[in-house]
Amino acid sequence: MDVYVYTQGQRRGPYEKMQLEAMWKHGKIPPDTLCWHNGMSKWTVISDLFAADKTTAPSLPDDAANTGPATFPASL
């Protein structure tokens, strides 16, 4: 599954869910990071991707739609 994230004012990805989960568990992804994958109607906070019992879905910031995919910097 290709997952995109929105953090530090940029949309980045795609990433594999397992790759993001490893980064999440090691504290390399800020908790306010938004994520989206095909089939989702809205972006949601990254913790929701790993917690099936959560249902919150914040809206994507207006400037996110104009930002193309990228990769995380090594120092994220």
PDB file of N, CA and C in Angstrom:
ATOM      1  N   MET A   1       0.846  -1.166   0.000  1.00  0.00           N
ATOM      2  CA  MET A   1       0.000   0.000   0.000  1.00  0.00           C
ATOM      3  C   MET A   1       0.896   1.235   0.000  1.00  0.00           C
ATOM      4  N   ASP A   2       0.674   2.152  -0.932  1.00  0.00           N
ATOM      5  CA  ASP A   2       1.408   3.406  -0.984  1.00  0.00           C
ATOM      6  C   ASP A   2       0.749   4.422  -0.057  1.00  0.00           C
ATOM      7  N   VAL A   3       1.528   4.951   0.880  1.00  0.00           N
ATOM      8  CA  VAL A   3       1.030   5.921   1.850  1.00  0.00           C
ATOM      9  C   VAL A   3       1.809   7.220   1.665  1.00  0.00           C
ATOM     10  N   TYR A   4       1.073   8.326   1.622  1.00  0.00           N
ATOM     11  CA  TYR A   4       1.684   9.648   1.547  1.00  0.00           C
ATOM     12  C   TYR A   4       1.550  10.309   2.908  1.00  0.00           C
ATOM     13  N   VAL A   5       2.509  11.168   3.231  1.00  0.00           N
ATOM     14  CA  VAL A   5       2.445  11.905   4.493  1.00  0.00           C
ATOM     15  C   VAL A   5       2.560  13.395   4.195  1.00  0.00           C
ATOM     16  N   TYR A   6       2.061  14.195   5.129  1.00  0.00           N
ATOM     17  CA  TYR A   6       2.164  15.654   5.052  1.00  0.00           C
ATOM     18  C   TYR A   6       2.767  16.123   6.359  1.00  0.00           C
ATOM     19  N   THR A   7       3.982  16.661   6.266  1.00  0.00           N
ATOM     20  CA  THR A   7       4.693  17.141   7.444  1.00  0.00           C
ATOM     21  C   THR A   7       5.627  18.266   7.037  1.00  0.00           C
ATOM     22  N   GLN A   8       5.875  19.159   7.943  1.00  0.00           N
ATOM     23  CA  GLN A   8       6.792  20.280   7.713  1.00  0.00           C
ATOM     24  C   GLN A   8       6.419  21.045   6.443  1.00  0.00           C
ATOM     25  N   GLY A   9       5.103  21.160   6.171  1.00  0.00           N
ATOM     26  CA  GLY A   9       4.622  21.932   5.033  1.00  0.00           C
ATOM     27  C   GLY A   9       4.756  21.269   3.678  1.00  0.00           C
ATOM     28  N   GLN A  10       5.060  19.964   3.659  1.00  0.00           N
ATOM     29  CA  GLN A  10       5.240  19.277   2.382  1.00  0.00           C
ATOM     30  C   GLN A  10       4.568  17.922   2.378  1.00  0.00           C
ATOM     31  N   ARG A  11       4.032  17.550   1.211  1.00  0.00           N
ATOM     32  CA  ARG A  11       3.513  16.201   1.017  1.00  0.00           C
ATOM     33  C   ARG A  11       4.687  15.347   0.539  1.00  0.00           C
ATOM     34  N   ARG A  12       4.819  14.163   1.117  1.00  0.00           N
ATOM     35  CA  ARG A  12       5.965  13.299   0.812  1.00  0.00           C
ATOM     36  C   ARG A  12       5.505  11.868   0.614  1.00  0.00           C
ATOM     37  N   GLY A  13       6.221  11.138  -0.180  1.00  0.00           N
ATOM     38  CA  GLY A  13       5.898   9.736  -0.391  1.00  0.00           C
ATOM     39  C   GLY A  13       5.934   9.383  -1.854  1.00  0.00           C
ATOM     40  N   PRO A  14       5.517   8.210  -2.193  1.00  0.00           N
ATOM     41  CA  PRO A  14       4.838   7.226  -1.345  1.00  0.00           C
ATOM     42  C   PRO A  14       5.805   6.390  -0.511  1.00  0.00           C
ATOM     43  N   TYR A  15       5.272   5.884   0.586  1.00  0.00           N
ATOM     44  CA  TYR A  15       5.984   4.983   1.483  1.00  0.00           C
ATOM     45  C   TYR A  15       5.148   3.728   1.659  1.00  0.00           C
ATOM     46  N   GLU A  16       5.787   2.657   2.020  1.00  0.00           N
ATOM     47  CA  GLU A  16       5.079   1.446   2.419  1.00  0.00           C
ATOM     48  C   GLU A  16       4.659   1.613   3.875  1.00  0.00           C
ATOM     49  N   LYS A  17       3.503   1.089   4.233  1.00  0.00           N
ATOM     50  CA  LYS A  17       2.997   1.210   5.597  1.00  0.00           C
ATOM     51  C   LYS A  17       4.003   0.667   6.612  1.00  0.00           C
ATOM     52  N   MET A  18       4.616  -0.459   6.314  1.00  0.00           N
ATOM     53  CA  MET A  18       5.590  -1.058   7.241  1.00  0.00           C
ATOM     54  C   MET A  18       6.788  -0.131   7.446  1.00  0.00           C
ATOM     55  N   GLN A  19       7.213   0.559   6.386  1.00  0.00           N
ATOM     56  CA  GLN A  19       8.327   1.493   6.485  1.00  0.00           C
ATOM     57  C   GLN A  19       7.962   2.656   7.412  1.00  0.00           C
ATOM     58  N   LEU A  20       6.756   3.202   7.241  1.00  0.00           N
ATOM     59  CA  LEU A  20       6.306   4.295   8.101  1.00  0.00           C
ATOM     60  C   LEU A  20       6.133   3.842   9.540  1.00  0.00           C
ATOM     61  N   GLU A  21       5.642   2.626   9.724  1.00  0.00           N
ATOM     62  CA  GLU A  21       5.455   2.121  11.085  1.00  0.00           C
ATOM     63  C   GLU A  21       6.790   2.012  11.814  1.00  0.00           C
ATOM     64  N   ALA A  22       7.815   1.556  11.127  1.00  0.00           N
ATOM     65  CA  ALA A  22       9.139   1.459  11.742  1.00  0.00           C
ATOM     66  C   ALA A  22       9.657   2.852  12.101  1.00  0.00           C
ATOM     67  N   MET A  23       9.462   3.813  11.196  1.00  0.00           N
ATOM     68  CA  MET A  23       9.887   5.182  11.460  1.00  0.00           C
ATOM     69  C   MET A  23       9.100   5.762  12.635  1.00  0.00           C
ATOM     70  N   TRP A  24       7.795   5.465  12.704  1.00  0.00           N
ATOM     71  CA  TRP A  24       6.931   5.936  13.798  1.00  0.00           C
ATOM     72  C   TRP A  24       7.410   5.378  15.138  1.00  0.00           C
ATOM     73  N   LYS A  25       7.665   4.081  15.178  1.00  0.00           N
ATOM     74  CA  LYS A  25       8.082   3.429  16.424  1.00  0.00           C
ATOM     75  C   LYS A  25       9.430   3.944  16.928  1.00  0.00           C
ATOM     76  N   HIS A  26      10.277   4.411  16.012  1.00  0.00           N
ATOM     77  CA  HIS A  26      11.593   4.919  16.397  1.00  0.00           C
ATOM     78  C   HIS A  26      11.592   6.435  16.591  1.00  0.00           C
ATOM     79  N   GLY A  27      10.405   7.047  16.587  1.00  0.00           N
ATOM     80  CA  GLY A  27      10.296   8.472  16.856  1.00  0.00           C
ATOM     81  C   GLY A  27      10.788   9.378  15.750  1.00  0.00           C
ATOM     82  N   LYS A  28      10.850   8.880  14.529  1.00  0.00           N
ATOM     83  CA  LYS A  28      11.358   9.673  13.411  1.00  0.00           C
ATOM     84  C   LYS A  28      10.268  10.427  12.662  1.00  0.00           C
ATOM     85  N   ILE A  29       9.008  10.252  13.068  1.00  0.00           N
ATOM     86  CA  ILE A  29       7.890  10.949  12.431  1.00  0.00           C
ATOM     87  C   ILE A  29       7.181  11.768  13.508  1.00  0.00           C
ATOM     88  N   PRO A  30       7.036  13.071  13.302  1.00  0.00           N
ATOM     89  CA  PRO A  30       6.339  13.906  14.289  1.00  0.00           C
ATOM     90  C   PRO A  30       4.897  13.431  14.483  1.00  0.00           C
ATOM     91  N   PRO A  31       4.373  13.524  15.707  1.00  0.00           N
ATOM     92  CA  PRO A  31       3.022  13.017  15.983  1.00  0.00           C
ATOM     93  C   PRO A  31       1.915  13.767  15.257  1.00  0.00           C
ATOM     94  N   ASP A  32       2.174  14.997  14.806  1.00  0.00           N
ATOM     95  CA  ASP A  32       1.145  15.749  14.083  1.00  0.00           C
ATOM     96  C   ASP A  32       1.187  15.523  12.576  1.00  0.00           C
ATOM     97  N   THR A  33       1.994  14.574  12.121  1.00  0.00           N
ATOM     98  CA  THR A  33       2.091  14.248  10.707  1.00  0.00           C
ATOM     99  C   THR A  33       0.765  13.676  10.216  1.00  0.00           C
ATOM    100  N   LEU A  34       0.321  14.152   9.061  1.00  0.00           N
ATOM    101  CA  LEU A  34      -0.893  13.624   8.441  1.00  0.00           C
ATOM    102  C   LEU A  34      -0.515  12.553   7.430  1.00  0.00           C
ATOM    103  N   CYS A  35      -1.411  11.599   7.193  1.00  0.00           N
ATOM    104  CA  CYS A  35      -1.150  10.558   6.197  1.00  0.00           C
ATOM    105  C   CYS A  35      -2.410  10.284   5.389  1.00  0.00           C
ATOM    106  N   TRP A  36      -2.200   9.708   4.200  1.00  0.00           N
ATOM    107  CA  TRP A  36      -3.295   9.354   3.307  1.00  0.00           C
ATOM    108  C   TRP A  36      -2.837   8.210   2.422  1.00  0.00           C
ATOM    109  N   HIS A  37      -3.765   7.305   2.103  1.00  0.00           N
ATOM    110  CA  HIS A  37      -3.512   6.272   1.095  1.00  0.00           C
ATOM    111  C   HIS A  37      -4.779   6.090   0.283  1.00  0.00           C
ATOM    112  N   ASN A  38      -4.644   5.501  -0.878  1.00  0.00           N
ATOM    113  CA  ASN A  38      -5.767   5.279  -1.776  1.00  0.00           C
ATOM    114  C   ASN A  38      -6.896   4.572  -1.036  1.00  0.00           C
ATOM    115  N   GLY A  39      -8.112   5.071  -1.198  1.00  0.00           N
ATOM    116  CA  GLY A  39      -9.263   4.497  -0.520  1.00  0.00           C
ATOM    117  C   GLY A  39      -9.722   5.314   0.674  1.00  0.00           C
ATOM    118  N   MET A  40      -8.868   6.230   1.165  1.00  0.00           N
ATOM    119  CA  MET A  40      -9.243   7.092   2.282  1.00  0.00           C
ATOM    120  C   MET A  40      -9.938   8.332   1.725  1.00  0.00           C
ATOM    121  N   SER A  41     -10.974   8.808   2.413  1.00  0.00           N
ATOM    122  CA  SER A  41     -11.669  10.007   1.957  1.00  0.00           C
ATOM    123  C   SER A  41     -11.000  11.281   2.472  1.00  0.00           C
ATOM    124  N   LYS A  42     -10.235  11.183   3.568  1.00  0.00           N
ATOM    125  CA  LYS A  42      -9.569  12.342   4.171  1.00  0.00           C
ATOM    126  C   LYS A  42      -8.194  11.946   4.680  1.00  0.00           C
ATOM    127  N   TRP A  43      -7.342  12.943   4.830  1.00  0.00           N
ATOM    128  CA  TRP A  43      -6.067  12.737   5.505  1.00  0.00           C
ATOM    129  C   TRP A  43      -6.346  12.541   6.988  1.00  0.00           C
ATOM    130  N   THR A  44      -5.475  11.817   7.672  1.00  0.00           N
ATOM    131  CA  THR A  44      -5.625  11.557   9.100  1.00  0.00           C
ATOM    132  C   THR A  44      -4.261  11.625   9.769  1.00  0.00           C
ATOM    133  N   VAL A  45      -4.227  11.744  11.079  1.00  0.00           N
ATOM    134  CA  VAL A  45      -2.936  11.771  11.774  1.00  0.00           C
ATOM    135  C   VAL A  45      -2.293  10.393  11.674  1.00  0.00           C
ATOM    136  N   ILE A  46      -0.977  10.399  11.632  1.00  0.00           N
ATOM    137  CA  ILE A  46      -0.212   9.165  11.401  1.00  0.00           C
ATOM    138  C   ILE A  46      -0.515   8.084  12.431  1.00  0.00           C
ATOM    139  N   SER A  47      -0.801   8.462  13.667  1.00  0.00           N
ATOM    140  CA  SER A  47      -1.086   7.448  14.687  1.00  0.00           C
ATOM    141  C   SER A  47      -2.331   6.636  14.332  1.00  0.00           C
ATOM    142  N   ASP A  48      -3.269   7.248  13.605  1.00  0.00           N
ATOM    143  CA  ASP A  48      -4.478   6.523  13.197  1.00  0.00           C
ATOM    144  C   ASP A  48      -4.171   5.402  12.207  1.00  0.00           C
ATOM    145  N   LEU A  49      -3.095   5.547  11.461  1.00  0.00           N
ATOM    146  CA  LEU A  49      -2.720   4.512  10.506  1.00  0.00           C
ATOM    147  C   LEU A  49      -2.364   3.217  11.233  1.00  0.00           C
ATOM    148  N   PHE A  50      -1.878   3.344  12.463  1.00  0.00           N
ATOM    149  CA  PHE A  50      -1.431   2.185  13.228  1.00  0.00           C
ATOM    150  C   PHE A  50      -2.378   1.809  14.357  1.00  0.00           C
ATOM    151  N   ALA A  51      -3.480   2.529  14.509  1.00  0.00           N
ATOM    152  CA  ALA A  51      -4.452   2.247  15.565  1.00  0.00           C
ATOM    153  C   ALA A  51      -5.843   2.121  14.941  1.00  0.00           C
ATOM    154  N   ALA A  52      -6.295   0.916  14.737  1.00  0.00           N
ATOM    155  CA  ALA A  52      -7.561   0.660  14.050  1.00  0.00           C
ATOM    156  C   ALA A  52      -8.764   1.219  14.789  1.00  0.00           C
ATOM    157  N   ASP A  53      -8.657   1.436  16.101  1.00  0.00           N
ATOM    158  CA  ASP A  53      -9.807   1.897  16.866  1.00  0.00           C
ATOM    159  C   ASP A  53      -9.982   3.408  16.850  1.00  0.00           C
ATOM    160  N   LYS A  54      -9.128   4.163  16.213  1.00  0.00           N
ATOM    161  CA  LYS A  54      -9.251   5.614  16.137  1.00  0.00           C
ATOM    162  C   LYS A  54     -10.017   5.992  14.874  1.00  0.00           C
ATOM    163  N   THR A  55     -10.755   7.115  14.931  1.00  0.00           N
ATOM    164  CA  THR A  55     -11.535   7.525  13.763  1.00  0.00           C
ATOM    165  C   THR A  55     -11.400   9.002  13.423  1.00  0.00           C
ATOM    166  N   THR A  56     -10.511   9.759  14.077  1.00  0.00           N
ATOM    167  CA  THR A  56     -10.372  11.172  13.771  1.00  0.00           C
ATOM    168  C   THR A  56      -9.731  11.358  12.406  1.00  0.00           C
ATOM    169  N   ALA A  57     -10.115  12.438  11.708  1.00  0.00           N
ATOM    170  CA  ALA A  57      -9.578  12.703  10.386  1.00  0.00           C
ATOM    171  C   ALA A  57      -9.470  14.200  10.144  1.00  0.00           C
ATOM    172  N   PRO A  58      -8.352  14.817  10.524  1.00  0.00           N
ATOM    173  CA  PRO A  58      -8.201  16.242  10.277  1.00  0.00           C
ATOM    174  C   PRO A  58      -8.109  16.521   8.782  1.00  0.00           C
ATOM    175  N   SER A  59      -8.493  17.712   8.396  1.00  0.00           N
ATOM    176  CA  SER A  59      -8.434  18.102   6.987  1.00  0.00           C
ATOM    177  C   SER A  59      -7.002  18.386   6.581  1.00  0.00           C
ATOM    178  N   LEU A  60      -6.724  18.198   5.312  1.00  0.00           N
ATOM    179  CA  LEU A  60      -5.422  18.503   4.743  1.00  0.00           C
ATOM    180  C   LEU A  60      -5.267  20.008   4.653  1.00  0.00           C
ATOM    181  N   PRO A  61      -4.137  20.562   5.073  1.00  0.00           N
ATOM    182  CA  PRO A  61      -3.926  21.999   4.929  1.00  0.00           C
ATOM    183  C   PRO A  61      -4.037  22.414   3.467  1.00  0.00           C
ATOM    184  N   ASP A  62      -4.490  23.649   3.216  1.00  0.00           N
ATOM    185  CA  ASP A  62      -4.747  24.121   1.862  1.00  0.00           C
ATOM    186  C   ASP A  62      -3.555  23.995   0.934  1.00  0.00           C
ATOM    187  N   ASP A  63      -2.348  24.222   1.424  1.00  0.00           N
ATOM    188  CA  ASP A  63      -1.182  24.192   0.545  1.00  0.00           C
ATOM    189  C   ASP A  63      -0.694  22.774   0.239  1.00  0.00           C
ATOM    190  N   ALA A  64      -1.248  21.760   0.860  1.00  0.00           N
ATOM    191  CA  ALA A  64      -0.793  20.387   0.635  1.00  0.00           C
ATOM    192  C   ALA A  64      -1.135  19.894  -0.751  1.00  0.00           C
ATOM    193  N   ALA A  65      -2.237  20.308  -1.307  1.00  0.00           N
ATOM    194  CA  ALA A  65      -2.656  19.827  -2.624  1.00  0.00           C
ATOM    195  C   ALA A  65      -1.714  20.301  -3.711  1.00  0.00           C
ATOM    196  N   ASN A  66      -0.967  21.370  -3.476  1.00  0.00           N
ATOM    197  CA  ASN A  66      -0.069  21.922  -4.481  1.00  0.00           C
ATOM    198  C   ASN A  66       1.358  21.434  -4.326  1.00  0.00           C
ATOM    199  N   THR A  67       1.581  20.510  -3.425  1.00  0.00           N
ATOM    200  CA  THR A  67       2.925  20.019  -3.156  1.00  0.00           C
ATOM    201  C   THR A  67       3.041  18.589  -3.658  1.00  0.00           C
ATOM    202  N   GLY A  68       4.005  18.318  -4.510  1.00  0.00           N
ATOM    203  CA  GLY A  68       4.167  16.979  -5.062  1.00  0.00           C
ATOM    204  C   GLY A  68       4.853  16.042  -4.099  1.00  0.00           C
ATOM    205  N   PRO A  69       4.818  14.750  -4.402  1.00  0.00           N
ATOM    206  CA  PRO A  69       5.489  13.762  -3.550  1.00  0.00           C
ATOM    207  C   PRO A  69       6.980  14.047  -3.448  1.00  0.00           C
ATOM    208  N   ALA A  70       7.547  13.721  -2.332  1.00  0.00           N
ATOM    209  CA  ALA A  70       8.977  13.873  -2.088  1.00  0.00           C
ATOM    210  C   ALA A  70       9.394  12.792  -1.123  1.00  0.00           C
ATOM    211  N   THR A  71      10.611  12.852  -0.648  1.00  0.00           N
ATOM    212  CA  THR A  71      11.066  11.874   0.340  1.00  0.00           C
ATOM    213  C   THR A  71      11.436  12.591   1.615  1.00  0.00           C
ATOM    214  N   PHE A  72      11.440  11.865   2.738  1.00  0.00           N
ATOM    215  CA  PHE A  72      11.851  12.452   3.996  1.00  0.00           C
ATOM    216  C   PHE A  72      13.333  12.763   3.936  1.00  0.00           C
ATOM    217  N   PRO A  73      13.750  13.872   4.522  1.00  0.00           N
ATOM    218  CA  PRO A  73      15.184  14.114   4.645  1.00  0.00           C
ATOM    219  C   PRO A  73      15.774  13.126   5.638  1.00  0.00           C
ATOM    220  N   ALA A  74      17.038  12.833   5.520  1.00  0.00           N
ATOM    221  CA  ALA A  74      17.688  11.859   6.380  1.00  0.00           C
ATOM    222  C   ALA A  74      17.601  12.248   7.848  1.00  0.00           C
ATOM    223  N   SER A  75      17.496  13.544   8.144  1.00  0.00           N
ATOM    224  CA  SER A  75      17.494  13.984   9.531  1.00  0.00           C
ATOM    225  C   SER A  75      16.106  14.124  10.129  1.00  0.00           C
ATOM    226  N   LEU A  76      15.066  13.656   9.455  1.00  0.00           N
ATOM    227  CA  LEU A  76      13.705  13.790   9.980  1.00  0.00           C
ATOM    228  C   LEU A  76      13.620  13.161  11.316  1.00  0.00           C
TER     229      LEU A  76
END
